Amino acid sequence: MTDIRLDWAREARTGVPEAIYCASKTTDQIDRILAEADERQASLLLTRLSPEAHGTLTALPALDYDPLSATAILDHGLPAPQDLGAAVVAAGTSDAAVAREAERTLTFAGLSAPTHIDVGVAGLWRTTDAAAALQDRRVIIACAGFEAALFSVLAGLVQAVVIAVPTSVGTGVAEGGKAALSSALASCAPGVVTVNIDNGFGAACAAIKFLRQSAPNAVG
């Protein structure tokens, strides 16, 4: 009996592809997953793959590894990214890892997304500058920690659906992201939807589903 059963039909069934959550998996398990994907000539997204774990994997197949987001992509002919109206923003540079996970997930799914980093409300001019550049976007993935005021402020400035990603960035009562999660869920700005703490991948999957459903001729 195998301990690995990959869901190769997931994208056709649900609209989002199989991805491999690497935390707690052994090097042997990840190597066998990659070998199966490589044998099928199937592209694959890996998340939460630490630099240490990445360094223990076998050399083949070659991966596009991004240490900031701890993601890796096995590319067997991914489509060129289309602009369907997504964007990613991060309140601070400390939130960039979560934002990058979202961006890389969108790219893997064939969607491009301009990314704006360090646009938090502590310097409100940065938020308003970013909002001006985001007026044509349809879905914005916003990543913020501490009190996460960015979600409400941004949603009050743009027409796009705002997907809030509370991050675990913060100290004291903000530590671990629960204050940011509560802020996102309690937002007084209409049009904010919320995913779990640090879940850039989940936010991107929600954006992918929304954009593909509303643009049925999109490549996916």
N, C-alpha and C. Protein backbone atom coordinates (compact mmCIF):
# COMPACT_ATOMS: atom_id res chain seq x y z
N MET A 1 0.85 -1.20 0.00
CA MET A 1 0.00 0.00 0.00
C MET A 1 0.88 1.24 0.00
N THR A 2 0.65 2.15 -0.94
CA THR A 2 1.46 3.36 -1.02
C THR A 2 1.00 4.42 -0.04
N ASP A 3 1.94 5.28 0.38
CA ASP A 3 1.58 6.40 1.24
C ASP A 3 1.38 7.68 0.45
N ILE A 4 1.44 7.57 -0.90
CA ILE A 4 1.29 8.74 -1.77
C ILE A 4 0.24 8.43 -2.84
N ARG A 5 -0.79 9.24 -2.91
CA ARG A 5 -1.81 9.11 -3.95
C ARG A 5 -2.11 10.51 -4.48
N LEU A 6 -1.48 10.89 -5.57
CA LEU A 6 -1.63 12.24 -6.10
C LEU A 6 -2.93 12.38 -6.89
N ASP A 7 -3.51 13.56 -6.79
CA ASP A 7 -4.81 13.83 -7.39
C ASP A 7 -4.60 14.55 -8.73
N TRP A 8 -4.25 13.80 -9.76
CA TRP A 8 -3.93 14.40 -11.05
C TRP A 8 -5.16 14.97 -11.75
N ALA A 9 -6.34 14.56 -11.35
CA ALA A 9 -7.58 15.07 -11.97
C ALA A 9 -8.15 16.28 -11.24
N ARG A 10 -7.44 16.79 -10.24
CA ARG A 10 -8.01 17.85 -9.41
C ARG A 10 -8.33 19.12 -10.21
N GLU A 11 -7.43 19.53 -11.08
CA GLU A 11 -7.67 20.77 -11.81
C GLU A 11 -8.90 20.66 -12.72
N ALA A 12 -9.05 19.51 -13.40
CA ALA A 12 -10.22 19.33 -14.26
C ALA A 12 -11.51 19.30 -13.45
N ARG A 13 -11.41 18.79 -12.22
CA ARG A 13 -12.60 18.64 -11.39
C ARG A 13 -12.95 19.92 -10.64
N THR A 14 -11.92 20.65 -10.15
CA THR A 14 -12.17 21.77 -9.24
C THR A 14 -11.73 23.12 -9.79
N GLY A 15 -10.92 23.12 -10.84
CA GLY A 15 -10.43 24.38 -11.39
C GLY A 15 -9.11 24.83 -10.85
N VAL A 16 -8.60 24.16 -9.82
CA VAL A 16 -7.26 24.47 -9.30
C VAL A 16 -6.44 23.18 -9.26
N PRO A 17 -5.14 23.28 -9.56
CA PRO A 17 -4.34 22.07 -9.69
C PRO A 17 -3.91 21.48 -8.35
N GLU A 18 -3.50 20.24 -8.39
CA GLU A 18 -2.87 19.59 -7.25
C GLU A 18 -1.61 20.37 -6.87
N ALA A 19 -1.41 20.58 -5.59
CA ALA A 19 -0.18 21.18 -5.09
C ALA A 19 0.32 20.34 -3.92
N ILE A 20 1.61 20.37 -3.70
CA ILE A 20 2.21 19.52 -2.69
C ILE A 20 2.63 20.37 -1.49
N TYR A 21 2.00 20.16 -0.36
CA TYR A 21 2.36 20.81 0.90
C TYR A 21 3.51 20.01 1.51
N CYS A 22 4.69 20.60 1.54
CA CYS A 22 5.90 19.84 1.86
C CYS A 22 6.25 19.79 3.33
N ALA A 23 5.69 20.68 4.13
CA ALA A 23 5.99 20.64 5.56
C ALA A 23 5.58 19.28 6.13
N SER A 24 6.45 18.70 6.92
CA SER A 24 6.24 17.39 7.57
C SER A 24 6.43 16.20 6.64
N LYS A 25 6.62 16.44 5.35
CA LYS A 25 6.93 15.32 4.45
C LYS A 25 8.43 15.05 4.49
N THR A 26 8.80 13.80 4.32
CA THR A 26 10.20 13.42 4.30
C THR A 26 10.81 13.70 2.93
N THR A 27 12.14 13.74 2.90
CA THR A 27 12.83 13.91 1.62
C THR A 27 12.45 12.79 0.66
N ASP A 28 12.37 11.57 1.16
CA ASP A 28 12.02 10.43 0.31
C ASP A 28 10.62 10.60 -0.28
N GLN A 29 9.67 11.04 0.51
CA GLN A 29 8.31 11.23 0.01
C GLN A 29 8.27 12.30 -1.08
N ILE A 30 8.94 13.42 -0.85
CA ILE A 30 8.94 14.49 -1.85
C ILE A 30 9.65 14.04 -3.11
N ASP A 31 10.75 13.33 -2.97
CA ASP A 31 11.47 12.81 -4.14
C ASP A 31 10.58 11.87 -4.96
N ARG A 32 9.82 11.02 -4.28
CA ARG A 32 8.95 10.09 -5.02
C ARG A 32 7.80 10.83 -5.70
N ILE A 33 7.29 11.87 -5.06
CA ILE A 33 6.24 12.69 -5.69
C ILE A 33 6.78 13.35 -6.96
N LEU A 34 7.97 13.92 -6.85
CA LEU A 34 8.58 14.58 -8.02
C LEU A 34 8.87 13.58 -9.13
N ALA A 35 9.31 12.39 -8.75
CA ALA A 35 9.60 11.37 -9.76
C ALA A 35 8.34 10.97 -10.51
N GLU A 36 7.23 10.83 -9.79
CA GLU A 36 5.97 10.48 -10.45
C GLU A 36 5.52 11.59 -11.40
N ALA A 37 5.64 12.85 -10.94
CA ALA A 37 5.26 13.97 -11.79
C ALA A 37 6.15 14.04 -13.02
N ASP A 38 7.43 13.83 -12.82
CA ASP A 38 8.38 13.89 -13.93
C ASP A 38 8.10 12.78 -14.94
N GLU A 39 7.75 11.61 -14.46
CA GLU A 39 7.42 10.50 -15.35
C GLU A 39 6.19 10.80 -16.18
N ARG A 40 5.24 11.49 -15.61
CA ARG A 40 4.02 11.88 -16.32
C ARG A 40 4.22 13.13 -17.18
N GLN A 41 5.38 13.77 -17.03
CA GLN A 41 5.61 15.07 -17.69
C GLN A 41 4.57 16.08 -17.24
N ALA A 42 4.25 16.03 -15.95
CA ALA A 42 3.24 16.90 -15.36
C ALA A 42 3.92 18.01 -14.57
N SER A 43 3.45 19.23 -14.72
CA SER A 43 3.94 20.32 -13.91
C SER A 43 3.39 20.19 -12.49
N LEU A 44 4.13 20.74 -11.53
CA LEU A 44 3.73 20.56 -10.14
C LEU A 44 4.20 21.76 -9.32
N LEU A 45 3.35 22.21 -8.41
CA LEU A 45 3.68 23.27 -7.47
C LEU A 45 3.90 22.67 -6.09
N LEU A 46 4.99 23.04 -5.47
CA LEU A 46 5.29 22.60 -4.12
C LEU A 46 5.29 23.83 -3.21
N THR A 47 4.63 23.73 -2.06
CA THR A 47 4.58 24.83 -1.10
C THR A 47 5.21 24.40 0.22
N ARG A 48 5.61 25.41 1.01
CA ARG A 48 6.22 25.20 2.33
C ARG A 48 7.41 24.24 2.26
N LEU A 49 8.22 24.43 1.22
CA LEU A 49 9.44 23.64 1.05
C LEU A 49 10.60 24.50 1.55
N SER A 50 11.09 24.20 2.72
CA SER A 50 12.13 25.02 3.33
C SER A 50 13.43 24.91 2.54
N PRO A 51 14.30 25.92 2.65
CA PRO A 51 15.61 25.82 1.97
C PRO A 51 16.38 24.57 2.39
N GLU A 52 16.26 24.19 3.67
CA GLU A 52 16.97 23.00 4.14
C GLU A 52 16.42 21.75 3.47
N ALA A 53 15.10 21.65 3.39
CA ALA A 53 14.49 20.48 2.74
C ALA A 53 14.81 20.47 1.25
N HIS A 54 14.75 21.63 0.62
CA HIS A 54 15.08 21.70 -0.81
C HIS A 54 16.49 21.21 -1.06
N GLY A 55 17.42 21.54 -0.15
CA GLY A 55 18.81 21.14 -0.33
C GLY A 55 19.04 19.66 -0.21
N THR A 56 18.09 18.93 0.37
CA THR A 56 18.27 17.48 0.53
C THR A 56 17.66 16.68 -0.61
N LEU A 57 16.92 17.34 -1.51
CA LEU A 57 16.28 16.62 -2.61
C LEU A 57 17.31 16.21 -3.64
N THR A 58 16.99 15.19 -4.41
CA THR A 58 17.89 14.75 -5.47
C THR A 58 17.94 15.81 -6.57
N ALA A 59 18.97 15.78 -7.38
CA ALA A 59 19.22 16.85 -8.36
C ALA A 59 18.18 16.86 -9.47
N LEU A 60 17.59 15.72 -9.79
CA LEU A 60 16.62 15.65 -10.89
C LEU A 60 15.26 15.23 -10.33
N PRO A 61 14.19 15.81 -10.84
CA PRO A 61 14.15 16.85 -11.87
C PRO A 61 14.49 18.23 -11.32
N ALA A 62 14.94 19.12 -12.20
CA ALA A 62 15.31 20.46 -11.79
C ALA A 62 14.06 21.25 -11.40
N LEU A 63 14.17 22.01 -10.33
CA LEU A 63 13.05 22.79 -9.83
C LEU A 63 13.37 24.28 -9.90
N ASP A 64 12.33 25.07 -10.16
CA ASP A 64 12.42 26.52 -10.01
C ASP A 64 12.07 26.81 -8.56
N TYR A 65 13.10 27.03 -7.74
CA TYR A 65 12.89 27.19 -6.30
C TYR A 65 13.00 28.65 -5.89
N ASP A 66 12.05 29.10 -5.07
CA ASP A 66 12.04 30.46 -4.56
C ASP A 66 12.12 30.41 -3.04
N PRO A 67 13.28 30.73 -2.45
CA PRO A 67 13.41 30.59 -1.00
C PRO A 67 12.54 31.55 -0.20
N LEU A 68 12.23 32.74 -0.74
CA LEU A 68 11.41 33.69 0.01
C LEU A 68 10.05 33.10 0.33
N SER A 69 9.40 32.54 -0.68
CA SER A 69 8.06 31.98 -0.49
C SER A 69 8.07 30.51 -0.11
N ALA A 70 9.25 29.89 -0.13
CA ALA A 70 9.39 28.45 0.13
C ALA A 70 8.53 27.63 -0.83
N THR A 71 8.48 28.07 -2.09
CA THR A 71 7.75 27.34 -3.12
C THR A 71 8.73 26.86 -4.19
N ALA A 72 8.34 25.79 -4.85
CA ALA A 72 9.12 25.27 -5.97
C ALA A 72 8.16 24.86 -7.08
N ILE A 73 8.60 25.02 -8.30
CA ILE A 73 7.78 24.67 -9.46
C ILE A 73 8.54 23.70 -10.35
N LEU A 74 7.90 22.59 -10.64
CA LEU A 74 8.38 21.66 -11.66
C LEU A 74 7.62 22.01 -12.94
N ASP A 75 8.35 22.49 -13.91
CA ASP A 75 7.72 23.04 -15.12
C ASP A 75 7.86 22.08 -16.28
N HIS A 76 6.74 21.51 -16.69
CA HIS A 76 6.67 20.68 -17.90
C HIS A 76 5.71 21.34 -18.88
N GLY A 77 6.00 22.59 -19.23
CA GLY A 77 5.20 23.26 -20.24
C GLY A 77 4.06 24.07 -19.68
N LEU A 78 4.33 24.89 -18.67
CA LEU A 78 3.29 25.75 -18.12
C LEU A 78 2.91 26.83 -19.14
N PRO A 79 1.65 27.25 -19.14
CA PRO A 79 1.23 28.29 -20.09
C PRO A 79 1.83 29.64 -19.73
N ALA A 80 1.98 30.49 -20.73
CA ALA A 80 2.41 31.86 -20.47
C ALA A 80 1.33 32.56 -19.66
N PRO A 81 1.70 33.31 -18.62
CA PRO A 81 0.69 33.95 -17.77
C PRO A 81 -0.17 34.96 -18.53
N GLN A 82 -1.49 34.92 -18.25
CA GLN A 82 -2.46 35.88 -18.77
C GLN A 82 -2.82 36.90 -17.71
N ASP A 83 -3.12 38.10 -18.12
CA ASP A 83 -3.60 39.12 -17.20
C ASP A 83 -5.11 39.12 -17.21
N LEU A 84 -5.72 38.54 -16.19
CA LEU A 84 -7.18 38.52 -16.05
C LEU A 84 -7.66 39.47 -14.97
N GLY A 85 -6.73 40.28 -14.42
CA GLY A 85 -7.16 41.29 -13.47
C GLY A 85 -6.80 41.03 -12.02
N ALA A 86 -5.84 40.14 -11.77
CA ALA A 86 -5.40 39.89 -10.40
C ALA A 86 -4.28 40.85 -10.01
N ALA A 87 -4.14 41.08 -8.72
CA ALA A 87 -3.01 41.82 -8.18
C ALA A 87 -2.74 41.31 -6.77
N VAL A 88 -1.51 41.52 -6.31
CA VAL A 88 -1.10 41.11 -4.96
C VAL A 88 -0.47 42.32 -4.29
N VAL A 89 -0.85 42.57 -3.04
CA VAL A 89 -0.23 43.65 -2.28
C VAL A 89 0.17 43.12 -0.91
N ALA A 90 1.22 43.73 -0.35
CA ALA A 90 1.68 43.38 0.99
C ALA A 90 1.86 44.66 1.79
N ALA A 91 1.38 44.66 3.01
CA ALA A 91 1.47 45.85 3.84
C ALA A 91 2.91 46.24 4.09
N GLY A 92 3.76 45.27 4.38
CA GLY A 92 5.16 45.55 4.66
C GLY A 92 6.06 44.53 4.01
N THR A 93 7.35 44.84 3.99
CA THR A 93 8.32 43.90 3.46
C THR A 93 8.29 42.58 4.22
N SER A 94 7.95 42.64 5.51
CA SER A 94 7.88 41.42 6.31
C SER A 94 6.76 40.49 5.87
N ASP A 95 5.79 41.03 5.14
CA ASP A 95 4.68 40.21 4.63
C ASP A 95 4.96 39.66 3.23
N ALA A 96 6.16 39.96 2.70
CA ALA A 96 6.44 39.63 1.30
C ALA A 96 6.46 38.13 1.03
N ALA A 97 6.85 37.32 2.01
CA ALA A 97 6.90 35.88 1.78
C ALA A 97 5.52 35.32 1.47
N VAL A 98 4.50 35.78 2.21
CA VAL A 98 3.13 35.31 1.98
C VAL A 98 2.62 35.83 0.64
N ALA A 99 2.92 37.10 0.35
CA ALA A 99 2.51 37.67 -0.94
C ALA A 99 3.17 36.93 -2.09
N ARG A 100 4.42 36.56 -1.91
CA ARG A 100 5.14 35.85 -2.97
C ARG A 100 4.56 34.45 -3.18
N GLU A 101 4.12 33.79 -2.11
CA GLU A 101 3.46 32.49 -2.27
C GLU A 101 2.21 32.64 -3.13
N ALA A 102 1.44 33.69 -2.88
CA ALA A 102 0.24 33.94 -3.68
C ALA A 102 0.61 34.21 -5.13
N GLU A 103 1.60 35.05 -5.34
CA GLU A 103 2.02 35.40 -6.70
C GLU A 103 2.50 34.18 -7.46
N ARG A 104 3.30 33.35 -6.81
CA ARG A 104 3.83 32.16 -7.48
C ARG A 104 2.71 31.15 -7.79
N THR A 105 1.73 31.05 -6.93
CA THR A 105 0.60 30.17 -7.19
C THR A 105 -0.19 30.65 -8.40
N LEU A 106 -0.41 31.95 -8.50
CA LEU A 106 -1.08 32.52 -9.67
C LEU A 106 -0.29 32.25 -10.94
N THR A 107 1.01 32.45 -10.88
CA THR A 107 1.87 32.21 -12.05
C THR A 107 1.79 30.76 -12.48
N PHE A 108 1.84 29.84 -11.52
CA PHE A 108 1.75 28.42 -11.84
C PHE A 108 0.44 28.11 -12.56
N ALA A 109 -0.63 28.80 -12.19
CA ALA A 109 -1.94 28.57 -12.80
C ALA A 109 -2.12 29.35 -14.10
N GLY A 110 -1.10 30.08 -14.52
CA GLY A 110 -1.19 30.79 -15.80
C GLY A 110 -1.78 32.18 -15.70
N LEU A 111 -1.71 32.80 -14.52
CA LEU A 111 -2.23 34.14 -14.33
C LEU A 111 -1.10 35.07 -13.88
N SER A 112 -0.99 36.21 -14.52
CA SER A 112 -0.03 37.21 -14.10
C SER A 112 -0.68 38.14 -13.08
N ALA A 113 0.15 38.75 -12.24
CA ALA A 113 -0.39 39.66 -11.22
C ALA A 113 0.69 40.65 -10.83
N PRO A 114 0.45 41.96 -11.06
CA PRO A 114 1.39 42.94 -10.52
C PRO A 114 1.39 42.86 -9.00
N THR A 115 2.58 43.03 -8.42
CA THR A 115 2.72 42.92 -6.98
C THR A 115 3.25 44.23 -6.41
N HIS A 116 2.61 44.70 -5.33
CA HIS A 116 2.99 45.95 -4.67
C HIS A 116 3.36 45.62 -3.23
N ILE A 117 4.60 45.89 -2.86
CA ILE A 117 5.10 45.57 -1.53
C ILE A 117 5.31 46.86 -0.74
N ASP A 118 5.09 46.80 0.58
CA ASP A 118 5.32 47.91 1.49
C ASP A 118 4.35 49.06 1.22
N VAL A 119 3.06 48.74 1.24
CA VAL A 119 2.02 49.75 0.99
C VAL A 119 1.08 49.87 2.19
N GLY A 120 1.60 49.57 3.38
CA GLY A 120 0.76 49.57 4.57
C GLY A 120 0.33 50.95 5.02
N VAL A 121 -0.65 50.99 5.90
CA VAL A 121 -1.30 52.24 6.28
C VAL A 121 -0.48 53.07 7.25
N ALA A 122 0.63 52.55 7.77
CA ALA A 122 1.48 53.37 8.63
C ALA A 122 2.03 54.57 7.87
N GLY A 123 2.16 54.43 6.57
CA GLY A 123 2.44 55.56 5.68
C GLY A 123 1.31 55.60 4.67
N LEU A 124 0.23 56.29 5.03
CA LEU A 124 -1.02 56.17 4.27
C LEU A 124 -0.85 56.58 2.81
N TRP A 125 0.11 57.46 2.53
CA TRP A 125 0.36 57.86 1.14
C TRP A 125 0.77 56.68 0.29
N ARG A 126 1.44 55.70 0.90
CA ARG A 126 1.83 54.50 0.14
C ARG A 126 0.60 53.69 -0.24
N THR A 127 -0.37 53.62 0.66
CA THR A 127 -1.60 52.89 0.37
C THR A 127 -2.39 53.57 -0.74
N THR A 128 -2.52 54.87 -0.66
CA THR A 128 -3.30 55.59 -1.68
C THR A 128 -2.59 55.56 -3.03
N ASP A 129 -1.25 55.62 -3.03
CA ASP A 129 -0.51 55.49 -4.29
C ASP A 129 -0.78 54.12 -4.92
N ALA A 130 -0.74 53.07 -4.11
CA ALA A 130 -0.99 51.72 -4.64
C ALA A 130 -2.42 51.59 -5.13
N ALA A 131 -3.37 52.16 -4.37
CA ALA A 131 -4.79 52.07 -4.76
C ALA A 131 -5.02 52.71 -6.11
N ALA A 132 -4.33 53.81 -6.38
CA ALA A 132 -4.48 54.46 -7.68
C ALA A 132 -4.02 53.55 -8.81
N ALA A 133 -2.99 52.75 -8.55
CA ALA A 133 -2.47 51.84 -9.57
C ALA A 133 -3.29 50.56 -9.68
N LEU A 134 -4.23 50.36 -8.76
CA LEU A 134 -5.00 49.11 -8.71
C LEU A 134 -6.44 49.28 -9.16
N GLN A 135 -6.79 50.42 -9.69
CA GLN A 135 -8.19 50.69 -10.02
C GLN A 135 -8.74 49.79 -11.13
N ASP A 136 -7.86 49.25 -11.97
CA ASP A 136 -8.35 48.39 -13.05
C ASP A 136 -8.34 46.91 -12.67
N ARG A 137 -7.97 46.59 -11.45
CA ARG A 137 -7.88 45.19 -11.02
C ARG A 137 -9.24 44.65 -10.62
N ARG A 138 -9.46 43.37 -10.79
CA ARG A 138 -10.73 42.73 -10.45
C ARG A 138 -10.67 41.98 -9.12
N VAL A 139 -9.51 41.44 -8.80
CA VAL A 139 -9.30 40.74 -7.54
C VAL A 139 -7.94 41.17 -6.99
N ILE A 140 -7.91 41.58 -5.73
CA ILE A 140 -6.66 41.97 -5.08
C ILE A 140 -6.44 41.08 -3.87
N ILE A 141 -5.32 40.38 -3.84
CA ILE A 141 -4.92 39.60 -2.68
C ILE A 141 -4.06 40.52 -1.81
N ALA A 142 -4.54 40.80 -0.59
CA ALA A 142 -3.85 41.73 0.31
C ALA A 142 -3.32 40.97 1.51
N CYS A 143 -2.04 41.14 1.80
CA CYS A 143 -1.38 40.42 2.88
C CYS A 143 -0.90 41.42 3.94
N ALA A 144 -1.32 41.24 5.18
CA ALA A 144 -0.95 42.18 6.24
C ALA A 144 -0.98 41.52 7.60
N GLY A 145 -0.05 41.96 8.45
CA GLY A 145 -0.01 41.49 9.83
C GLY A 145 -0.34 42.61 10.79
N PHE A 146 0.19 42.50 12.04
CA PHE A 146 -0.14 43.45 13.10
C PHE A 146 -1.67 43.64 13.18
N GLU A 147 -2.19 44.87 13.10
CA GLU A 147 -3.64 45.06 13.18
C GLU A 147 -4.32 44.94 11.82
N ALA A 148 -3.55 44.84 10.74
CA ALA A 148 -4.07 44.57 9.40
C ALA A 148 -5.13 45.56 8.95
N ALA A 149 -4.90 46.83 9.23
CA ALA A 149 -5.85 47.86 8.80
C ALA A 149 -5.89 48.00 7.28
N LEU A 150 -4.86 47.49 6.61
CA LEU A 150 -4.80 47.60 5.15
C LEU A 150 -6.05 47.06 4.48
N PHE A 151 -6.61 45.98 4.99
CA PHE A 151 -7.75 45.34 4.33
C PHE A 151 -8.93 46.31 4.20
N SER A 152 -9.30 46.94 5.29
CA SER A 152 -10.44 47.86 5.27
C SER A 152 -10.14 49.11 4.46
N VAL A 153 -8.95 49.67 4.64
CA VAL A 153 -8.61 50.89 3.92
C VAL A 153 -8.59 50.63 2.42
N LEU A 154 -7.95 49.54 2.01
CA LEU A 154 -7.86 49.24 0.58
C LEU A 154 -9.24 48.98 -0.02
N ALA A 155 -10.06 48.21 0.69
CA ALA A 155 -11.40 47.90 0.18
C ALA A 155 -12.28 49.14 0.10
N GLY A 156 -11.93 50.17 0.85
CA GLY A 156 -12.67 51.42 0.76
C GLY A 156 -12.20 52.33 -0.35
N LEU A 157 -11.17 51.91 -1.09
CA LEU A 157 -10.59 52.74 -2.15
C LEU A 157 -10.71 52.14 -3.55
N VAL A 158 -10.97 50.83 -3.64
CA VAL A 158 -10.96 50.16 -4.95
C VAL A 158 -12.27 49.42 -5.18
N GLN A 159 -12.54 49.10 -6.43
CA GLN A 159 -13.74 48.35 -6.80
C GLN A 159 -13.53 46.84 -6.73
N ALA A 160 -12.30 46.40 -6.74
CA ALA A 160 -12.00 44.97 -6.79
C ALA A 160 -12.45 44.25 -5.52
N VAL A 161 -12.71 42.97 -5.68
CA VAL A 161 -12.84 42.09 -4.52
C VAL A 161 -11.49 42.04 -3.82
N VAL A 162 -11.47 42.23 -2.52
CA VAL A 162 -10.24 42.14 -1.74
C VAL A 162 -10.24 40.83 -0.97
N ILE A 163 -9.25 39.99 -1.25
CA ILE A 163 -9.05 38.75 -0.50
C ILE A 163 -7.99 39.03 0.56
N ALA A 164 -8.40 39.03 1.81
CA ALA A 164 -7.50 39.35 2.91
C ALA A 164 -6.74 38.12 3.36
N VAL A 165 -5.42 38.27 3.45
CA VAL A 165 -4.57 37.21 3.98
C VAL A 165 -3.89 37.75 5.24
N PRO A 166 -4.42 37.48 6.43
CA PRO A 166 -3.73 37.89 7.64
C PRO A 166 -2.41 37.13 7.76
N THR A 167 -1.35 37.83 8.11
CA THR A 167 -0.06 37.16 8.25
C THR A 167 0.33 37.08 9.73
N SER A 168 1.25 36.20 10.01
CA SER A 168 1.70 35.99 11.39
C SER A 168 2.77 36.99 11.80
N VAL A 169 2.91 38.08 11.05
CA VAL A 169 3.87 39.14 11.36
C VAL A 169 3.30 40.02 12.46
N GLY A 170 4.04 40.19 13.55
CA GLY A 170 3.58 41.05 14.63
C GLY A 170 4.18 40.63 15.96
N THR A 171 4.06 41.50 16.94
CA THR A 171 4.57 41.22 18.27
C THR A 171 3.47 41.47 19.30
N GLY A 172 3.69 41.00 20.51
CA GLY A 172 2.71 41.19 21.57
C GLY A 172 1.37 40.58 21.21
N VAL A 173 0.29 41.35 21.34
CA VAL A 173 -1.04 40.81 21.05
C VAL A 173 -1.22 40.49 19.57
N ALA A 174 -0.33 41.04 18.71
CA ALA A 174 -0.42 40.77 17.27
C ALA A 174 0.36 39.52 16.87
N GLU A 175 1.08 38.94 17.80
CA GLU A 175 1.93 37.80 17.46
C GLU A 175 1.09 36.61 16.98
N GLY A 176 1.55 35.98 15.92
CA GLY A 176 0.89 34.79 15.41
C GLY A 176 -0.22 35.04 14.41
N GLY A 177 -0.62 36.30 14.24
CA GLY A 177 -1.59 36.63 13.20
C GLY A 177 -3.04 36.61 13.61
N LYS A 178 -3.35 36.28 14.88
CA LYS A 178 -4.77 36.20 15.25
C LYS A 178 -5.43 37.57 15.32
N ALA A 179 -4.68 38.60 15.72
CA ALA A 179 -5.24 39.95 15.71
C ALA A 179 -5.55 40.38 14.28
N ALA A 180 -4.65 40.05 13.35
CA ALA A 180 -4.88 40.38 11.94
C ALA A 180 -6.08 39.61 11.39
N LEU A 181 -6.22 38.36 11.79
CA LEU A 181 -7.37 37.56 11.35
C LEU A 181 -8.68 38.16 11.87
N SER A 182 -8.70 38.55 13.14
CA SER A 182 -9.90 39.17 13.69
C SER A 182 -10.22 40.47 12.98
N SER A 183 -9.20 41.25 12.67
CA SER A 183 -9.39 42.51 11.96
C SER A 183 -9.99 42.27 10.58
N ALA A 184 -9.49 41.25 9.89
CA ALA A 184 -10.02 40.94 8.56
C ALA A 184 -11.47 40.51 8.63
N LEU A 185 -11.79 39.66 9.59
CA LEU A 185 -13.16 39.16 9.71
C LEU A 185 -14.12 40.25 10.18
N ALA A 186 -13.60 41.23 10.92
CA ALA A 186 -14.44 42.30 11.45
C ALA A 186 -14.42 43.55 10.57
N SER A 187 -13.88 43.47 9.38
CA SER A 187 -13.75 44.65 8.52
C SER A 187 -15.11 45.30 8.28
N CYS A 188 -15.12 46.63 8.36
CA CYS A 188 -16.36 47.36 8.08
C CYS A 188 -16.49 47.71 6.61
N ALA A 189 -15.48 47.39 5.81
CA ALA A 189 -15.52 47.69 4.38
C ALA A 189 -16.16 46.52 3.64
N PRO A 190 -17.21 46.75 2.87
CA PRO A 190 -17.84 45.64 2.13
C PRO A 190 -16.93 45.15 1.03
N GLY A 191 -17.03 43.86 0.74
CA GLY A 191 -16.24 43.29 -0.35
C GLY A 191 -14.95 42.67 0.07
N VAL A 192 -14.74 42.49 1.39
CA VAL A 192 -13.53 41.82 1.88
C VAL A 192 -13.88 40.38 2.24
N VAL A 193 -13.14 39.45 1.68
CA VAL A 193 -13.26 38.05 2.07
C VAL A 193 -11.92 37.61 2.64
N THR A 194 -11.92 36.61 3.50
CA THR A 194 -10.74 36.31 4.30
C THR A 194 -10.37 34.84 4.22
N VAL A 195 -9.06 34.57 4.13
CA VAL A 195 -8.55 33.21 4.22
C VAL A 195 -7.74 33.08 5.51
N ASN A 196 -7.21 31.92 5.76
CA ASN A 196 -6.52 31.65 7.01
C ASN A 196 -5.17 32.38 7.08
N ILE A 197 -4.60 32.40 8.25
CA ILE A 197 -3.33 33.09 8.50
C ILE A 197 -2.22 32.50 7.62
N ASP A 198 -1.51 33.40 6.93
CA ASP A 198 -0.36 33.06 6.08
C ASP A 198 -0.74 32.21 4.86
N ASN A 199 -2.02 32.14 4.53
CA ASN A 199 -2.46 31.25 3.45
C ASN A 199 -2.46 31.95 2.10
N GLY A 200 -1.28 32.33 1.62
CA GLY A 200 -1.18 32.94 0.30
C GLY A 200 -1.64 31.99 -0.79
N PHE A 201 -1.35 30.72 -0.63
CA PHE A 201 -1.77 29.71 -1.60
C PHE A 201 -3.29 29.65 -1.71
N GLY A 202 -3.98 29.59 -0.58
CA GLY A 202 -5.44 29.52 -0.59
C GLY A 202 -6.07 30.76 -1.18
N ALA A 203 -5.49 31.92 -0.89
CA ALA A 203 -6.01 33.16 -1.46
C ALA A 203 -5.87 33.14 -2.98
N ALA A 204 -4.73 32.67 -3.46
CA ALA A 204 -4.54 32.60 -4.91
C ALA A 204 -5.51 31.62 -5.55
N CYS A 205 -5.77 30.50 -4.90
CA CYS A 205 -6.72 29.54 -5.46
C CYS A 205 -8.12 30.15 -5.56
N ALA A 206 -8.53 30.93 -4.56
CA ALA A 206 -9.82 31.60 -4.63
C ALA A 206 -9.86 32.58 -5.79
N ALA A 207 -8.76 33.34 -5.97
CA ALA A 207 -8.69 34.28 -7.08
C ALA A 207 -8.73 33.56 -8.43
N ILE A 208 -8.04 32.44 -8.52
CA ILE A 208 -8.02 31.66 -9.76
C ILE A 208 -9.43 31.21 -10.13
N LYS A 209 -10.15 30.68 -9.15
CA LYS A 209 -11.51 30.21 -9.42
C LYS A 209 -12.41 31.35 -9.87
N PHE A 210 -12.34 32.46 -9.15
CA PHE A 210 -13.17 33.61 -9.50
C PHE A 210 -12.87 34.10 -10.90
N LEU A 211 -11.61 34.29 -11.21
CA LEU A 211 -11.23 34.87 -12.50
C LEU A 211 -11.53 33.93 -13.66
N ARG A 212 -11.33 32.65 -13.46
CA ARG A 212 -11.61 31.70 -14.54
C ARG A 212 -13.11 31.54 -14.77
N GLN A 213 -13.90 31.58 -13.70
CA GLN A 213 -15.35 31.48 -13.85
C GLN A 213 -15.91 32.71 -14.56
N SER A 214 -15.32 33.86 -14.31
CA SER A 214 -15.83 35.08 -14.92
C SER A 214 -15.20 35.39 -16.25
N ALA A 215 -14.18 34.60 -16.64
CA ALA A 215 -13.55 34.72 -17.96
C ALA A 215 -13.39 33.33 -18.55
N PRO A 216 -14.49 32.73 -18.99
CA PRO A 216 -14.49 31.30 -19.37
C PRO A 216 -13.58 30.98 -20.54
N ASN A 217 -13.14 31.96 -21.31
CA ASN A 217 -12.23 31.68 -22.40
C ASN A 217 -10.78 31.73 -22.00
N ALA A 218 -10.52 31.90 -20.70
CA ALA A 218 -9.15 31.96 -20.21
C ALA A 218 -8.46 30.61 -20.38
N VAL A 219 -7.16 30.65 -20.61
CA VAL A 219 -6.38 29.43 -20.70
C VAL A 219 -6.14 28.93 -19.29
N GLY A 220 -6.36 27.65 -19.06
CA GLY A 220 -6.14 27.13 -17.71
C GLY A 220 -6.01 25.63 -17.74
